[in-house]
N, C-alpha and C. Protein backbone atom coordinates (compact mmCIF):
# COMPACT_ATOMS: atom_id res chain seq x y z
N UNK A 1 5.31 71.24 94.38
CA UNK A 1 5.31 69.92 93.76
C UNK A 1 6.68 69.69 93.12
N UNK A 2 7.26 68.55 93.37
CA UNK A 2 8.56 68.24 92.79
C UNK A 2 8.43 67.91 91.31
N UNK A 3 9.51 68.07 90.60
CA UNK A 3 9.50 67.81 89.14
C UNK A 3 9.10 66.37 88.85
N UNK A 4 9.51 65.40 89.69
CA UNK A 4 9.18 64.00 89.48
C UNK A 4 7.68 63.75 89.55
N UNK A 5 6.98 64.55 90.31
CA UNK A 5 5.56 64.34 90.51
C UNK A 5 4.69 65.17 89.57
N UNK A 6 5.32 66.03 88.78
CA UNK A 6 4.56 66.85 87.84
C UNK A 6 3.98 65.96 86.74
N UNK A 7 2.79 66.32 86.31
CA UNK A 7 2.15 65.58 85.23
C UNK A 7 2.84 65.92 83.91
N UNK A 8 3.13 64.91 83.13
CA UNK A 8 3.73 65.10 81.81
C UNK A 8 2.61 65.51 80.86
N UNK A 9 2.63 66.74 80.43
CA UNK A 9 1.59 67.25 79.52
C UNK A 9 2.08 67.30 78.08
N UNK A 10 3.19 66.69 77.82
CA UNK A 10 3.76 66.68 76.48
C UNK A 10 2.91 65.83 75.56
N UNK A 11 2.71 66.31 74.34
CA UNK A 11 2.09 65.50 73.30
C UNK A 11 3.23 64.86 72.51
N UNK A 12 3.11 63.56 72.31
CA UNK A 12 4.14 62.80 71.61
C UNK A 12 3.62 62.29 70.28
N UNK A 13 4.54 62.06 69.37
CA UNK A 13 4.27 61.40 68.10
C UNK A 13 4.89 60.01 68.18
N UNK A 14 4.21 59.02 67.65
CA UNK A 14 4.82 57.70 67.48
C UNK A 14 5.61 57.76 66.18
N UNK A 15 6.85 57.34 66.25
CA UNK A 15 7.73 57.36 65.08
C UNK A 15 8.30 55.96 64.85
N UNK A 16 8.71 55.71 63.61
CA UNK A 16 9.27 54.42 63.24
C UNK A 16 10.47 54.69 62.33
N UNK A 17 11.46 53.81 62.41
CA UNK A 17 12.64 53.97 61.54
C UNK A 17 12.62 52.92 60.43
N UNK A 18 13.66 52.92 59.61
CA UNK A 18 13.73 52.00 58.46
C UNK A 18 13.80 50.53 58.89
N UNK A 19 14.14 50.28 60.13
CA UNK A 19 14.20 48.91 60.65
C UNK A 19 12.88 48.51 61.34
N UNK A 20 11.86 49.37 61.18
CA UNK A 20 10.54 49.16 61.78
C UNK A 20 10.61 49.07 63.30
N UNK A 21 11.49 49.87 63.87
CA UNK A 21 11.59 50.00 65.33
C UNK A 21 10.83 51.26 65.71
N UNK A 22 10.05 51.18 66.77
CA UNK A 22 9.18 52.27 67.18
C UNK A 22 9.76 53.04 68.35
N UNK A 23 9.35 54.30 68.44
CA UNK A 23 9.70 55.15 69.56
C UNK A 23 8.66 56.26 69.66
N UNK A 24 8.79 57.09 70.69
CA UNK A 24 7.96 58.27 70.79
C UNK A 24 8.86 59.49 70.74
N UNK A 25 8.30 60.59 70.23
CA UNK A 25 9.07 61.80 70.08
C UNK A 25 8.18 62.99 70.43
N UNK A 26 8.67 63.93 71.23
CA UNK A 26 7.86 65.10 71.56
C UNK A 26 7.44 65.84 70.29
N UNK A 27 6.17 66.21 70.21
CA UNK A 27 5.69 66.82 68.97
C UNK A 27 6.23 68.22 68.71
N UNK A 28 6.83 68.85 69.71
CA UNK A 28 7.37 70.19 69.51
C UNK A 28 8.79 70.16 68.96
N UNK A 29 9.37 68.97 68.81
CA UNK A 29 10.72 68.84 68.26
C UNK A 29 10.63 68.25 66.86
N UNK A 30 11.58 68.61 66.02
CA UNK A 30 11.66 68.01 64.69
C UNK A 30 12.00 66.53 64.83
N UNK A 31 11.35 65.71 64.03
CA UNK A 31 11.65 64.28 64.04
C UNK A 31 13.03 64.07 63.44
N UNK A 32 13.88 63.28 64.10
CA UNK A 32 15.25 63.09 63.60
C UNK A 32 15.27 62.39 62.24
N UNK A 33 16.33 62.64 61.50
CA UNK A 33 16.54 61.94 60.23
C UNK A 33 16.49 60.44 60.46
N UNK A 34 15.88 59.74 59.53
CA UNK A 34 15.79 58.28 59.62
C UNK A 34 14.54 57.80 60.33
N UNK A 35 13.75 58.71 60.86
CA UNK A 35 12.51 58.37 61.55
C UNK A 35 11.36 59.08 60.87
N UNK A 36 10.17 58.47 60.92
CA UNK A 36 8.99 59.13 60.37
C UNK A 36 7.79 58.87 61.27
N UNK A 37 6.89 59.83 61.29
CA UNK A 37 5.67 59.70 62.09
C UNK A 37 4.76 58.64 61.46
N UNK A 38 4.07 57.89 62.31
CA UNK A 38 3.15 56.87 61.82
C UNK A 38 1.71 57.35 61.84
N UNK A 39 1.48 58.57 62.35
CA UNK A 39 0.13 59.12 62.36
C UNK A 39 -0.58 58.99 63.69
N UNK A 40 0.10 58.53 64.71
CA UNK A 40 -0.47 58.41 66.05
C UNK A 40 0.21 59.41 66.95
N UNK A 41 -0.58 60.21 67.65
CA UNK A 41 -0.02 61.14 68.62
C UNK A 41 -0.93 61.18 69.83
N UNK A 42 -0.40 61.65 70.93
CA UNK A 42 -1.17 61.75 72.16
C UNK A 42 -0.24 61.83 73.35
N UNK A 43 -0.79 61.52 74.52
CA UNK A 43 0.06 61.53 75.71
C UNK A 43 0.97 60.30 75.68
N UNK A 44 1.91 60.28 76.59
CA UNK A 44 2.92 59.21 76.61
C UNK A 44 2.28 57.83 76.73
N UNK A 45 1.32 57.69 77.64
CA UNK A 45 0.69 56.39 77.86
C UNK A 45 -0.03 55.89 76.62
N UNK A 46 -0.75 56.78 75.93
CA UNK A 46 -1.48 56.38 74.72
C UNK A 46 -0.52 55.96 73.61
N UNK A 47 0.57 56.70 73.46
CA UNK A 47 1.54 56.36 72.42
C UNK A 47 2.24 55.04 72.72
N UNK A 48 2.60 54.83 73.98
CA UNK A 48 3.26 53.57 74.35
C UNK A 48 2.30 52.39 74.20
N UNK A 49 1.01 52.59 74.48
CA UNK A 49 0.02 51.53 74.29
C UNK A 49 -0.09 51.18 72.80
N UNK A 50 -0.08 52.19 71.94
CA UNK A 50 -0.12 51.96 70.50
C UNK A 50 1.09 51.12 70.07
N UNK A 51 2.27 51.51 70.54
CA UNK A 51 3.49 50.79 70.18
C UNK A 51 3.41 49.34 70.66
N UNK A 52 2.90 49.13 71.85
CA UNK A 52 2.79 47.78 72.38
C UNK A 52 1.95 46.89 71.48
N UNK A 53 0.90 47.45 70.89
CA UNK A 53 0.04 46.68 69.98
C UNK A 53 0.66 46.52 68.59
N UNK A 54 1.31 47.57 68.11
CA UNK A 54 1.82 47.57 66.74
C UNK A 54 3.15 46.84 66.58
N UNK A 55 4.00 46.90 67.60
CA UNK A 55 5.36 46.37 67.49
C UNK A 55 5.40 45.01 68.17
N UNK A 56 4.96 44.01 67.44
CA UNK A 56 4.83 42.67 68.03
C UNK A 56 6.10 41.84 67.92
N UNK A 57 6.99 42.20 67.01
CA UNK A 57 8.26 41.50 66.85
C UNK A 57 9.37 42.52 67.03
N UNK A 58 10.08 42.43 68.13
CA UNK A 58 11.07 43.43 68.49
C UNK A 58 12.35 43.36 67.64
N UNK A 59 12.49 42.32 66.86
CA UNK A 59 13.71 42.21 66.05
C UNK A 59 13.69 43.27 64.94
N UNK A 60 14.85 43.87 64.64
CA UNK A 60 14.92 44.81 63.52
C UNK A 60 14.52 44.10 62.22
N UNK A 61 14.00 44.88 61.28
CA UNK A 61 13.55 44.34 60.00
C UNK A 61 14.64 43.53 59.30
N UNK A 62 15.87 44.02 59.30
CA UNK A 62 16.97 43.31 58.63
C UNK A 62 17.19 41.93 59.25
N UNK A 63 17.07 41.81 60.55
CA UNK A 63 17.24 40.52 61.21
C UNK A 63 16.06 39.59 60.89
N UNK A 64 14.86 40.13 60.84
CA UNK A 64 13.70 39.30 60.47
C UNK A 64 13.84 38.78 59.04
N UNK A 65 14.34 39.64 58.15
CA UNK A 65 14.54 39.21 56.76
C UNK A 65 15.59 38.11 56.67
N UNK A 66 16.67 38.22 57.45
CA UNK A 66 17.70 37.18 57.46
C UNK A 66 17.11 35.86 57.92
N UNK A 67 16.29 35.92 58.96
CA UNK A 67 15.66 34.70 59.47
C UNK A 67 14.72 34.09 58.44
N UNK A 68 13.96 34.93 57.75
CA UNK A 68 13.06 34.45 56.71
C UNK A 68 13.83 33.80 55.56
N UNK A 69 14.95 34.42 55.17
CA UNK A 69 15.76 33.88 54.08
C UNK A 69 16.36 32.53 54.48
N UNK A 70 16.84 32.42 55.71
CA UNK A 70 17.40 31.17 56.17
C UNK A 70 16.33 30.08 56.25
N UNK A 71 15.15 30.46 56.68
CA UNK A 71 14.06 29.50 56.77
C UNK A 71 13.64 29.00 55.39
N UNK A 72 13.60 29.93 54.43
CA UNK A 72 13.23 29.54 53.05
C UNK A 72 14.31 28.67 52.41
N UNK A 73 15.57 28.91 52.74
CA UNK A 73 16.67 28.11 52.19
C UNK A 73 16.63 26.68 52.70
N UNK A 74 16.12 26.48 53.91
CA UNK A 74 16.03 25.14 54.49
C UNK A 74 14.94 24.30 53.84
N UNK A 75 14.01 24.95 53.20
CA UNK A 75 12.88 24.22 52.59
C UNK A 75 13.23 23.57 51.31
């Protein structure tokens, strides 16, 4: 069986950074500085499905805050 066709048996953690951007990280590796686990782990498909539901606004938090501030200033 070729490596491309091997089943990915890795368990992943869903992680989030200070900008509320999501990613997955293999659970056997230390989570990088600036990221923290959100409490969801599983196979790649399950973690990506979680992210799809949780991360509804792809803009970084700082950009969302700028937009909110500009919107409030217009009022």
